[in-house]
């Protein structure tokens, strides 16, 4: 049995400059625990695999394709592969989100110029 708690893991490097912890990483899936402080956001990007966001805390705004909606605790948001997606924290409180990629990506994420 493997038990991971993000409090006991090192921060994972990421191009978004946010707190990120790798909870699970296998050939089948990858699960990250993200923390976005007020005003932080991910850079819009496209992954080569399906992504599921599960909101643990806070009220993030999530972009999937052309849709941008507010999510709340216990919401699960799906993003199909090859679709631009992003998480924004426009609120005044911390946001915590699990990001699950299935299967684990074998090619690079593509960043999108949002200008």
C-alpha atoms as a PDB file:
ATOM      1  CA  UNK A   1       0.000   0.000   0.000  1.00  0.00           C
ATOM      2  CA  UNK A   2       1.225   3.496  -0.844  1.00  0.00           C
ATOM      3  CA  UNK A   3      -0.151   6.486   1.035  1.00  0.00           C
ATOM      4  CA  UNK A   4       0.817  10.005  -0.038  1.00  0.00           C
ATOM      5  CA  UNK A   5      -0.104  13.271   1.613  1.00  0.00           C
ATOM      6  CA  UNK A   6       0.908  16.478  -0.133  1.00  0.00           C
ATOM      7  CA  UNK A   7       2.102  17.911   3.204  1.00  0.00           C
ATOM      8  CA  UNK A   8       4.878  15.282   3.166  1.00  0.00           C
ATOM      9  CA  UNK A   9       5.931  15.702  -0.462  1.00  0.00           C
ATOM     10  CA  UNK A  10       8.390  18.132  -2.029  1.00  0.00           C
ATOM     11  CA  UNK A  11       7.001  20.826  -4.271  1.00  0.00           C
ATOM     12  CA  UNK A  12       7.023  19.793  -7.914  1.00  0.00           C
ATOM     13  CA  UNK A  13       8.542  22.210 -10.390  1.00  0.00           C
ATOM     14  CA  UNK A  14       6.072  23.606 -12.908  1.00  0.00           C
ATOM     15  CA  UNK A  15       6.049  26.348 -15.555  1.00  0.00           C
ATOM     16  CA  UNK A  16       3.069  28.068 -13.915  1.00  0.00           C
ATOM     17  CA  UNK A  17       4.915  29.239 -10.801  1.00  0.00           C
ATOM     18  CA  UNK A  18       2.309  27.841  -8.398  1.00  0.00           C
ATOM     19  CA  UNK A  19       2.501  25.316  -5.560  1.00  0.00           C
ATOM     20  CA  UNK A  20       2.248  21.840  -7.037  1.00  0.00           C
ATOM     21  CA  UNK A  21       2.679  18.369  -5.547  1.00  0.00           C
ATOM     22  CA  UNK A  22       2.875  15.065  -7.431  1.00  0.00           C
ATOM     23  CA  UNK A  23       0.592  12.659  -5.542  1.00  0.00           C
ATOM     24  CA  UNK A  24       0.673   9.845  -8.104  1.00  0.00           C
ATOM     25  CA  UNK A  25       2.786   9.137 -11.162  1.00  0.00           C
ATOM     26  CA  UNK A  26       2.545   5.867 -13.071  1.00  0.00           C
ATOM     27  CA  UNK A  27       2.348   4.802 -16.691  1.00  0.00           C
ATOM     28  CA  UNK A  28      -1.453   4.815 -16.365  1.00  0.00           C
ATOM     29  CA  UNK A  29      -2.137   8.185 -14.764  1.00  0.00           C
ATOM     30  CA  UNK A  30      -0.720  11.264 -13.101  1.00  0.00           C
ATOM     31  CA  UNK A  31      -2.368  13.097 -10.194  1.00  0.00           C
ATOM     32  CA  UNK A  32      -1.206  16.531  -9.088  1.00  0.00           C
ATOM     33  CA  UNK A  33      -2.346  18.602  -6.124  1.00  0.00           C
ATOM     34  CA  UNK A  34      -2.328  22.293  -7.080  1.00  0.00           C
ATOM     35  CA  UNK A  35      -2.613  25.283  -4.778  1.00  0.00           C
ATOM     36  CA  UNK A  36      -3.423  28.657  -6.293  1.00  0.00           C
ATOM     37  CA  UNK A  37      -3.249  31.659  -4.023  1.00  0.00           C
ATOM     38  CA  UNK A  38      -5.473  34.698  -4.740  1.00  0.00           C
ATOM     39  CA  UNK A  39      -4.627  36.173  -8.143  1.00  0.00           C
ATOM     40  CA  UNK A  40      -2.621  33.154  -9.336  1.00  0.00           C
ATOM     41  CA  UNK A  41      -3.442  31.236 -12.501  1.00  0.00           C
ATOM     42  CA  UNK A  42      -2.166  28.539 -14.777  1.00  0.00           C
ATOM     43  CA  UNK A  43      -0.931  29.465 -18.219  1.00  0.00           C
ATOM     44  CA  UNK A  44      -3.457  28.342 -20.868  1.00  0.00           C
ATOM     45  CA  UNK A  45      -2.201  25.043 -22.250  1.00  0.00           C
ATOM     46  CA  UNK A  46      -3.142  21.913 -24.179  1.00  0.00           C
ATOM     47  CA  UNK A  47      -2.330  18.413 -22.969  1.00  0.00           C
ATOM     48  CA  UNK A  48      -2.160  15.313 -25.172  1.00  0.00           C
ATOM     49  CA  UNK A  49      -4.367  13.344 -22.737  1.00  0.00           C
ATOM     50  CA  UNK A  50      -7.723  13.773 -20.981  1.00  0.00           C
ATOM     51  CA  UNK A  51      -7.612  15.895 -17.817  1.00  0.00           C
ATOM     52  CA  UNK A  52     -10.031  15.961 -14.892  1.00  0.00           C
ATOM     53  CA  UNK A  53     -10.040  18.758 -12.294  1.00  0.00           C
ATOM     54  CA  UNK A  54     -11.518  18.076  -8.860  1.00  0.00           C
ATOM     55  CA  UNK A  55     -12.002  21.154  -6.663  1.00  0.00           C
ATOM     56  CA  UNK A  56     -10.960  20.487  -3.059  1.00  0.00           C
ATOM     57  CA  UNK A  57     -11.214  24.037  -1.737  1.00  0.00           C
ATOM     58  CA  UNK A  58     -12.126  27.491  -2.976  1.00  0.00           C
ATOM     59  CA  UNK A  59     -13.866  28.798  -6.075  1.00  0.00           C
ATOM     60  CA  UNK A  60     -11.617  28.639  -9.126  1.00  0.00           C
ATOM     61  CA  UNK A  61     -12.637  29.786 -12.575  1.00  0.00           C
ATOM     62  CA  UNK A  62     -11.845  27.022 -15.051  1.00  0.00           C
ATOM     63  CA  UNK A  63     -11.405  27.409 -18.784  1.00  0.00           C
ATOM     64  CA  UNK A  64     -12.014  24.408 -21.056  1.00  0.00           C
ATOM     65  CA  UNK A  65     -12.034  25.193 -24.768  1.00  0.00           C
ATOM     66  CA  UNK A  66     -14.140  28.340 -25.210  1.00  0.00           C
ATOM     67  CA  UNK A  67     -16.069  27.846 -21.933  1.00  0.00           C
ATOM     68  CA  UNK A  68     -14.960  29.638 -18.769  1.00  0.00           C
ATOM     69  CA  UNK A  69     -16.986  28.892 -15.616  1.00  0.00           C
ATOM     70  CA  UNK A  70     -16.786  29.259 -11.869  1.00  0.00           C
ATOM     71  CA  UNK A  71     -16.392  25.953 -10.024  1.00  0.00           C
ATOM     72  CA  UNK A  72     -16.934  25.220  -6.336  1.00  0.00           C
ATOM     73  CA  UNK A  73     -15.790  22.634  -3.809  1.00  0.00           C
ATOM     74  CA  UNK A  74     -16.521  19.050  -4.890  1.00  0.00           C
ATOM     75  CA  UNK A  75     -17.062  19.990  -8.554  1.00  0.00           C
ATOM     76  CA  UNK A  76     -15.394  17.735 -11.113  1.00  0.00           C
ATOM     77  CA  UNK A  77     -14.558  19.391 -14.426  1.00  0.00           C
ATOM     78  CA  UNK A  78     -13.543  17.348 -17.476  1.00  0.00           C
ATOM     79  CA  UNK A  79     -11.272  18.503 -20.294  1.00  0.00           C
ATOM     80  CA  UNK A  80     -10.726  16.258 -23.293  1.00  0.00           C
ATOM     81  CA  UNK A  81      -7.263  15.859 -24.745  1.00  0.00           C
ATOM     82  CA  UNK A  82      -6.004  18.443 -27.214  1.00  0.00           C
ATOM     83  CA  UNK A  83      -8.322  21.168 -25.801  1.00  0.00           C
ATOM     84  CA  UNK A  84      -6.974  24.359 -24.232  1.00  0.00           C
ATOM     85  CA  UNK A  85      -7.613  24.565 -20.503  1.00  0.00           C
ATOM     86  CA  UNK A  86      -6.609  26.732 -17.576  1.00  0.00           C
ATOM     87  CA  UNK A  87      -7.401  27.444 -13.906  1.00  0.00           C
ATOM     88  CA  UNK A  88      -7.703  30.982 -12.531  1.00  0.00           C
ATOM     89  CA  UNK A  89      -8.051  32.079  -8.927  1.00  0.00           C
ATOM     90  CA  UNK A  90      -9.890  35.402  -9.112  1.00  0.00           C
ATOM     91  CA  UNK A  91     -11.094  34.977  -5.516  1.00  0.00           C
ATOM     92  CA  UNK A  92      -9.610  36.311  -2.293  1.00  0.00           C
ATOM     93  CA  UNK A  93      -9.075  32.825  -0.819  1.00  0.00           C
ATOM     94  CA  UNK A  94      -6.824  29.869  -1.546  1.00  0.00           C
ATOM     95  CA  UNK A  95      -7.865  27.332  -4.206  1.00  0.00           C
ATOM     96  CA  UNK A  96      -6.857  23.656  -4.062  1.00  0.00           C
ATOM     97  CA  UNK A  97      -7.462  21.389  -7.050  1.00  0.00           C
ATOM     98  CA  UNK A  98      -6.572  17.797  -7.907  1.00  0.00           C
ATOM     99  CA  UNK A  99      -5.528  17.455 -11.542  1.00  0.00           C
ATOM    100  CA  UNK A 100      -5.757  13.931 -12.933  1.00  0.00           C
ATOM    101  CA  UNK A 101      -4.262  13.096 -16.331  1.00  0.00           C
ATOM    102  CA  UNK A 102      -5.230   9.793 -17.911  1.00  0.00           C
ATOM    103  CA  UNK A 103      -3.293   8.144 -19.296  1.00  0.00           C
ATOM    104  CA  UNK A 104      -0.025   9.698 -18.170  1.00  0.00           C
ATOM    105  CA  UNK A 105       1.195  12.025 -20.940  1.00  0.00           C
ATOM    106  CA  UNK A 106       4.093  10.788 -23.031  1.00  0.00           C
ATOM    107  CA  UNK A 107       4.424  13.939 -25.131  1.00  0.00           C
ATOM    108  CA  UNK A 108       4.880  17.552 -24.095  1.00  0.00           C
ATOM    109  CA  UNK A 109       2.215  20.035 -23.022  1.00  0.00           C
ATOM    110  CA  UNK A 110       1.716  22.904 -25.468  1.00  0.00           C
ATOM    111  CA  UNK A 111       1.365  26.410 -24.084  1.00  0.00           C
ATOM    112  CA  UNK A 112      -1.081  28.761 -25.740  1.00  0.00           C
ATOM    113  CA  UNK A 113      -0.455  32.452 -26.329  1.00  0.00           C
ATOM    114  CA  UNK A 114      -3.473  34.079 -24.707  1.00  0.00           C
ATOM    115  CA  UNK A 115      -2.958  37.544 -26.177  1.00  0.00           C
END
